[in-house]
Structures are given as structure tokens and as C-alpha cells.
Amino acid sequence: MPAAIPLRLENQYFALDLSTDAARAMLEAGNCTFYTPESLGDVKLELFAVLRS
């Protein structure tokens, strides 16, 4: 976990693999969509971008 991202035990964390065709298409389109099923309740998203140096 990069130090730039706050660690909270109740959160879910993931990373995007930007080497796939789908990821390249997403970057080219300039948008990203997240599906959250209703069973998760009231979901709040916080997005952090961590750039590689």
C-alpha cells in the first residue's frame, strides 16, 4: 500500500492493471465506471491516483 493512501480497515482497496486492452481503451476514452450492487448498501467511493515515479 503506497504511503500516500490512507489505510482504513473498513475500506476495500484495488489497483488497475493498465497493461490490458480494456484499460488502454478506458484511458483513451477518459472515463471509468464502477458497478456497485444494491446489496452493498449506501456506497461511498473515494478515488486516489498514485503515479509511479
PDB file of N, CA and C in Angstrom:
ATOM      1  N   MET A   1       0.850  -1.170   0.000  1.00  0.00           N
ATOM      2  CA  MET A   1       0.000   0.000   0.000  1.00  0.00           C
ATOM      3  C   MET A   1       0.898   1.236   0.000  1.00  0.00           C
ATOM      4  N   PRO A   2       0.758   2.102  -1.000  1.00  0.00           N
ATOM      5  CA  PRO A   2       1.569   3.330  -1.012  1.00  0.00           C
ATOM      6  C   PRO A   2       1.257   4.214   0.196  1.00  0.00           C
ATOM      7  N   ALA A   3       2.260   4.873   0.722  1.00  0.00           N
ATOM      8  CA  ALA A   3       2.084   5.730   1.897  1.00  0.00           C
ATOM      9  C   ALA A   3       1.126   6.882   1.627  1.00  0.00           C
ATOM     10  N   ALA A   4       0.926   7.251   0.365  1.00  0.00           N
ATOM     11  CA  ALA A   4       0.047   8.372   0.015  1.00  0.00           C
ATOM     12  C   ALA A   4      -1.430   8.047   0.225  1.00  0.00           C
ATOM     13  N   ILE A   5      -1.764   6.781   0.402  1.00  0.00           N
ATOM     14  CA  ILE A   5      -3.159   6.367   0.544  1.00  0.00           C
ATOM     15  C   ILE A   5      -3.447   6.058   2.010  1.00  0.00           C
ATOM     16  N   PRO A   6      -4.500   6.706   2.570  1.00  0.00           N
ATOM     17  CA  PRO A   6      -4.832   6.427   3.972  1.00  0.00           C
ATOM     18  C   PRO A   6      -5.343   4.996   4.145  1.00  0.00           C
ATOM     19  N   LEU A   7      -4.816   4.287   5.116  1.00  0.00           N
ATOM     20  CA  LEU A   7      -5.213   2.903   5.368  1.00  0.00           C
ATOM     21  C   LEU A   7      -6.331   2.874   6.400  1.00  0.00           C
ATOM     22  N   ARG A   8      -7.494   2.355   5.993  1.00  0.00           N
ATOM     23  CA  ARG A   8      -8.644   2.214   6.884  1.00  0.00           C
ATOM     24  C   ARG A   8      -9.129   0.773   6.785  1.00  0.00           C
ATOM     25  N   LEU A   9      -9.284   0.117   7.908  1.00  0.00           N
ATOM     26  CA  LEU A   9      -9.621  -1.307   7.918  1.00  0.00           C
ATOM     27  C   LEU A   9     -10.957  -1.619   7.259  1.00  0.00           C
ATOM     28  N   GLU A  10     -11.912  -0.686   7.284  1.00  0.00           N
ATOM     29  CA  GLU A  10     -13.233  -0.951   6.713  1.00  0.00           C
ATOM     30  C   GLU A  10     -13.274  -0.731   5.195  1.00  0.00           C
ATOM     31  N   ASN A  11     -12.207  -0.251   4.604  1.00  0.00           N
ATOM     32  CA  ASN A  11     -12.178   0.039   3.163  1.00  0.00           C
ATOM     33  C   ASN A  11     -11.752  -1.173   2.342  1.00  0.00           C
ATOM     34  N   GLN A  12     -12.100  -1.134   1.084  1.00  0.00           N
ATOM     35  CA  GLN A  12     -11.640  -2.111   0.105  1.00  0.00           C
ATOM     36  C   GLN A  12     -10.675  -1.393  -0.834  1.00  0.00           C
ATOM     37  N   TYR A  13      -9.557  -2.002  -1.136  1.00  0.00           N
ATOM     38  CA  TYR A  13      -8.541  -1.378  -1.975  1.00  0.00           C
ATOM     39  C   TYR A  13      -8.289  -2.242  -3.198  1.00  0.00           C
ATOM     40  N   PHE A  14      -7.963  -1.604  -4.304  1.00  0.00           N
ATOM     41  CA  PHE A  14      -7.624  -2.336  -5.518  1.00  0.00           C
ATOM     42  C   PHE A  14      -6.712  -1.470  -6.376  1.00  0.00           C
ATOM     43  N   ALA A  15      -6.087  -2.102  -7.330  1.00  0.00           N
ATOM     44  CA  ALA A  15      -5.247  -1.399  -8.301  1.00  0.00           C
ATOM     45  C   ALA A  15      -5.702  -1.797  -9.694  1.00  0.00           C
ATOM     46  N   LEU A  16      -5.577  -0.885 -10.622  1.00  0.00           N
ATOM     47  CA  LEU A  16      -5.920  -1.179 -12.011  1.00  0.00           C
ATOM     48  C   LEU A  16      -4.677  -1.639 -12.754  1.00  0.00           C
ATOM     49  N   ASP A  17      -4.821  -2.697 -13.533  1.00  0.00           N
ATOM     50  CA  ASP A  17      -3.742  -3.171 -14.393  1.00  0.00           C
ATOM     51  C   ASP A  17      -3.858  -2.410 -15.707  1.00  0.00           C
ATOM     52  N   LEU A  18      -3.003  -1.434 -15.908  1.00  0.00           N
ATOM     53  CA  LEU A  18      -3.106  -0.573 -17.084  1.00  0.00           C
ATOM     54  C   LEU A  18      -2.450  -1.160 -18.324  1.00  0.00           C
ATOM     55  N   SER A  19      -2.028  -2.416 -18.262  1.00  0.00           N
ATOM     56  CA  SER A  19      -1.387  -3.038 -19.419  1.00  0.00           C
ATOM     57  C   SER A  19      -2.379  -3.775 -20.318  1.00  0.00           C
ATOM     58  N   THR A  20      -3.653  -3.803 -19.944  1.00  0.00           N
ATOM     59  CA  THR A  20      -4.651  -4.531 -20.733  1.00  0.00           C
ATOM     60  C   THR A  20      -5.282  -3.631 -21.791  1.00  0.00           C
ATOM     61  N   ASP A  21      -5.861  -4.259 -22.822  1.00  0.00           N
ATOM     62  CA  ASP A  21      -6.559  -3.501 -23.863  1.00  0.00           C
ATOM     63  C   ASP A  21      -7.718  -2.706 -23.273  1.00  0.00           C
ATOM     64  N   ALA A  22      -8.445  -3.306 -22.322  1.00  0.00           N
ATOM     65  CA  ALA A  22      -9.585  -2.623 -21.700  1.00  0.00           C
ATOM     66  C   ALA A  22      -9.127  -1.373 -20.950  1.00  0.00           C
ATOM     67  N   ALA A  23      -8.017  -1.464 -20.249  1.00  0.00           N
ATOM     68  CA  ALA A  23      -7.507  -0.307 -19.505  1.00  0.00           C
ATOM     69  C   ALA A  23      -7.041   0.782 -20.456  1.00  0.00           C
ATOM     70  N   ARG A  24      -6.390   0.401 -21.537  1.00  0.00           N
ATOM     71  CA  ARG A  24      -5.948   1.397 -22.517  1.00  0.00           C
ATOM     72  C   ARG A  24      -7.144   2.095 -23.152  1.00  0.00           C
ATOM     73  N   ALA A  25      -8.212   1.349 -23.439  1.00  0.00           N
ATOM     74  CA  ALA A  25      -9.428   1.947 -24.003  1.00  0.00           C
ATOM     75  C   ALA A  25     -10.061   2.909 -23.003  1.00  0.00           C
ATOM     76  N   MET A  26     -10.062   2.540 -21.729  1.00  0.00           N
ATOM     77  CA  MET A  26     -10.608   3.403 -20.684  1.00  0.00           C
ATOM     78  C   MET A  26      -9.820   4.708 -20.612  1.00  0.00           C
ATOM     79  N   LEU A  27      -8.499   4.618 -20.631  1.00  0.00           N
ATOM     80  CA  LEU A  27      -7.666   5.814 -20.570  1.00  0.00           C
ATOM     81  C   LEU A  27      -7.872   6.693 -21.794  1.00  0.00           C
ATOM     82  N   GLU A  28      -7.978   6.064 -22.957  1.00  0.00           N
ATOM     83  CA  GLU A  28      -8.189   6.818 -24.196  1.00  0.00           C
ATOM     84  C   GLU A  28      -9.540   7.534 -24.182  1.00  0.00           C
ATOM     85  N   ALA A  29     -10.569   6.870 -23.653  1.00  0.00           N
ATOM     86  CA  ALA A  29     -11.905   7.466 -23.583  1.00  0.00           C
ATOM     87  C   ALA A  29     -11.989   8.537 -22.498  1.00  0.00           C
ATOM     88  N   GLY A  30     -11.118   8.450 -21.507  1.00  0.00           N
ATOM     89  CA  GLY A  30     -11.120   9.434 -20.429  1.00  0.00           C
ATOM     90  C   GLY A  30     -12.238   9.243 -19.422  1.00  0.00           C
ATOM     91  N   ASN A  31     -12.703   7.983 -19.269  1.00  0.00           N
ATOM     92  CA  ASN A  31     -13.749   7.729 -18.275  1.00  0.00           C
ATOM     93  C   ASN A  31     -13.557   6.364 -17.634  1.00  0.00           C
ATOM     94  N   CYS A  32     -14.213   6.203 -16.501  1.00  0.00           N
ATOM     95  CA  CYS A  32     -14.126   4.957 -15.749  1.00  0.00           C
ATOM     96  C   CYS A  32     -15.460   4.753 -15.035  1.00  0.00           C
ATOM     97  N   THR A  33     -15.952   3.534 -15.007  1.00  0.00           N
ATOM     98  CA  THR A  33     -17.237   3.236 -14.389  1.00  0.00           C
ATOM     99  C   THR A  33     -17.049   2.174 -13.314  1.00  0.00           C
ATOM    100  N   PHE A  34     -17.748   2.335 -12.205  1.00  0.00           N
ATOM    101  CA  PHE A  34     -17.722   1.360 -11.123  1.00  0.00           C
ATOM    102  C   PHE A  34     -19.125   0.827 -10.911  1.00  0.00           C
ATOM    103  N   TYR A  35     -19.273  -0.476 -10.926  1.00  0.00           N
ATOM    104  CA  TYR A  35     -20.556  -1.117 -10.632  1.00  0.00           C
ATOM    105  C   TYR A  35     -20.566  -1.487  -9.160  1.00  0.00           C
ATOM    106  N   THR A  36     -21.575  -1.028  -8.451  1.00  0.00           N
ATOM    107  CA  THR A  36     -21.741  -1.407  -7.048  1.00  0.00           C
ATOM    108  C   THR A  36     -23.147  -1.967  -6.872  1.00  0.00           C
ATOM    109  N   PRO A  37     -23.271  -3.252  -6.567  1.00  0.00           N
ATOM    110  CA  PRO A  37     -24.598  -3.851  -6.415  1.00  0.00           C
ATOM    111  C   PRO A  37     -25.362  -3.236  -5.248  1.00  0.00           C
ATOM    112  N   GLU A  38     -26.663  -3.227  -5.369  1.00  0.00           N
ATOM    113  CA  GLU A  38     -27.533  -2.665  -4.336  1.00  0.00           C
ATOM    114  C   GLU A  38     -27.323  -3.347  -2.989  1.00  0.00           C
ATOM    115  N   SER A  39     -26.908  -4.611  -3.013  1.00  0.00           N
ATOM    116  CA  SER A  39     -26.708  -5.354  -1.764  1.00  0.00           C
ATOM    117  C   SER A  39     -25.595  -4.755  -0.893  1.00  0.00           C
ATOM    118  N   LEU A  40     -24.747  -3.916  -1.465  1.00  0.00           N
ATOM    119  CA  LEU A  40     -23.690  -3.264  -0.683  1.00  0.00           C
ATOM    120  C   LEU A  40     -24.205  -2.076   0.115  1.00  0.00           C
ATOM    121  N   GLY A  41     -25.429  -1.665  -0.137  1.00  0.00           N
ATOM    122  CA  GLY A  41     -25.994  -0.535   0.606  1.00  0.00           C
ATOM    123  C   GLY A  41     -25.515   0.792   0.053  1.00  0.00           C
ATOM    124  N   ASP A  42     -25.428   1.784   0.928  1.00  0.00           N
ATOM    125  CA  ASP A  42     -25.027   3.138   0.543  1.00  0.00           C
ATOM    126  C   ASP A  42     -23.507   3.196   0.418  1.00  0.00           C
ATOM    127  N   VAL A  43     -23.022   3.047  -0.790  1.00  0.00           N
ATOM    128  CA  VAL A  43     -21.577   3.006  -1.038  1.00  0.00           C
ATOM    129  C   VAL A  43     -21.048   4.416  -1.274  1.00  0.00           C
ATOM    130  N   LYS A  44     -19.931   4.724  -0.639  1.00  0.00           N
ATOM    131  CA  LYS A  44     -19.235   5.986  -0.880  1.00  0.00           C
ATOM    132  C   LYS A  44     -17.876   5.642  -1.469  1.00  0.00           C
ATOM    133  N   LEU A  45     -17.567   6.237  -2.610  1.00  0.00           N
ATOM    134  CA  LEU A  45     -16.295   5.973  -3.273  1.00  0.00           C
ATOM    135  C   LEU A  45     -15.325   7.121  -3.032  1.00  0.00           C
ATOM    136  N   GLU A  46     -14.104   6.776  -2.717  1.00  0.00           N
ATOM    137  CA  GLU A  46     -13.003   7.731  -2.651  1.00  0.00           C
ATOM    138  C   GLU A  46     -11.940   7.192  -3.588  1.00  0.00           C
ATOM    139  N   LEU A  47     -11.571   7.970  -4.563  1.00  0.00           N
ATOM    140  CA  LEU A  47     -10.584   7.522  -5.538  1.00  0.00           C
ATOM    141  C   LEU A  47      -9.282   8.288  -5.343  1.00  0.00           C
ATOM    142  N   PHE A  48      -8.189   7.551  -5.338  1.00  0.00           N
ATOM    143  CA  PHE A  48      -6.865   8.137  -5.210  1.00  0.00           C
ATOM    144  C   PHE A  48      -6.033   7.664  -6.389  1.00  0.00           C
ATOM    145  N   ALA A  49      -5.341   8.572  -7.018  1.00  0.00           N
ATOM    146  CA  ALA A  49      -4.415   8.214  -8.090  1.00  0.00           C
ATOM    147  C   ALA A  49      -2.997   8.302  -7.534  1.00  0.00           C
ATOM    148  N   VAL A  50      -2.259   7.233  -7.684  1.00  0.00           N
ATOM    149  CA  VAL A  50      -0.863   7.211  -7.256  1.00  0.00           C
ATOM    150  C   VAL A  50      -0.024   7.005  -8.503  1.00  0.00           C
ATOM    151  N   LEU A  51       0.778   7.991  -8.831  1.00  0.00           N
ATOM    152  CA  LEU A  51       1.597   7.933 -10.033  1.00  0.00           C
ATOM    153  C   LEU A  51       2.942   7.310  -9.709  1.00  0.00           C
ATOM    154  N   ARG A  52       3.391   6.474 -10.613  1.00  0.00           N
ATOM    155  CA  ARG A  52       4.711   5.860 -10.430  1.00  0.00           C
ATOM    156  C   ARG A  52       5.786   6.871 -10.779  1.00  0.00           C
ATOM    157  N   SER A  53       6.843   6.872  -9.999  1.00  0.00           N
ATOM    158  CA  SER A  53       7.924   7.834 -10.272  1.00  0.00           C
ATOM    159  C   SER A  53       9.023   7.198 -11.082  1.00  0.00           C
TER     160      SER A  53
END
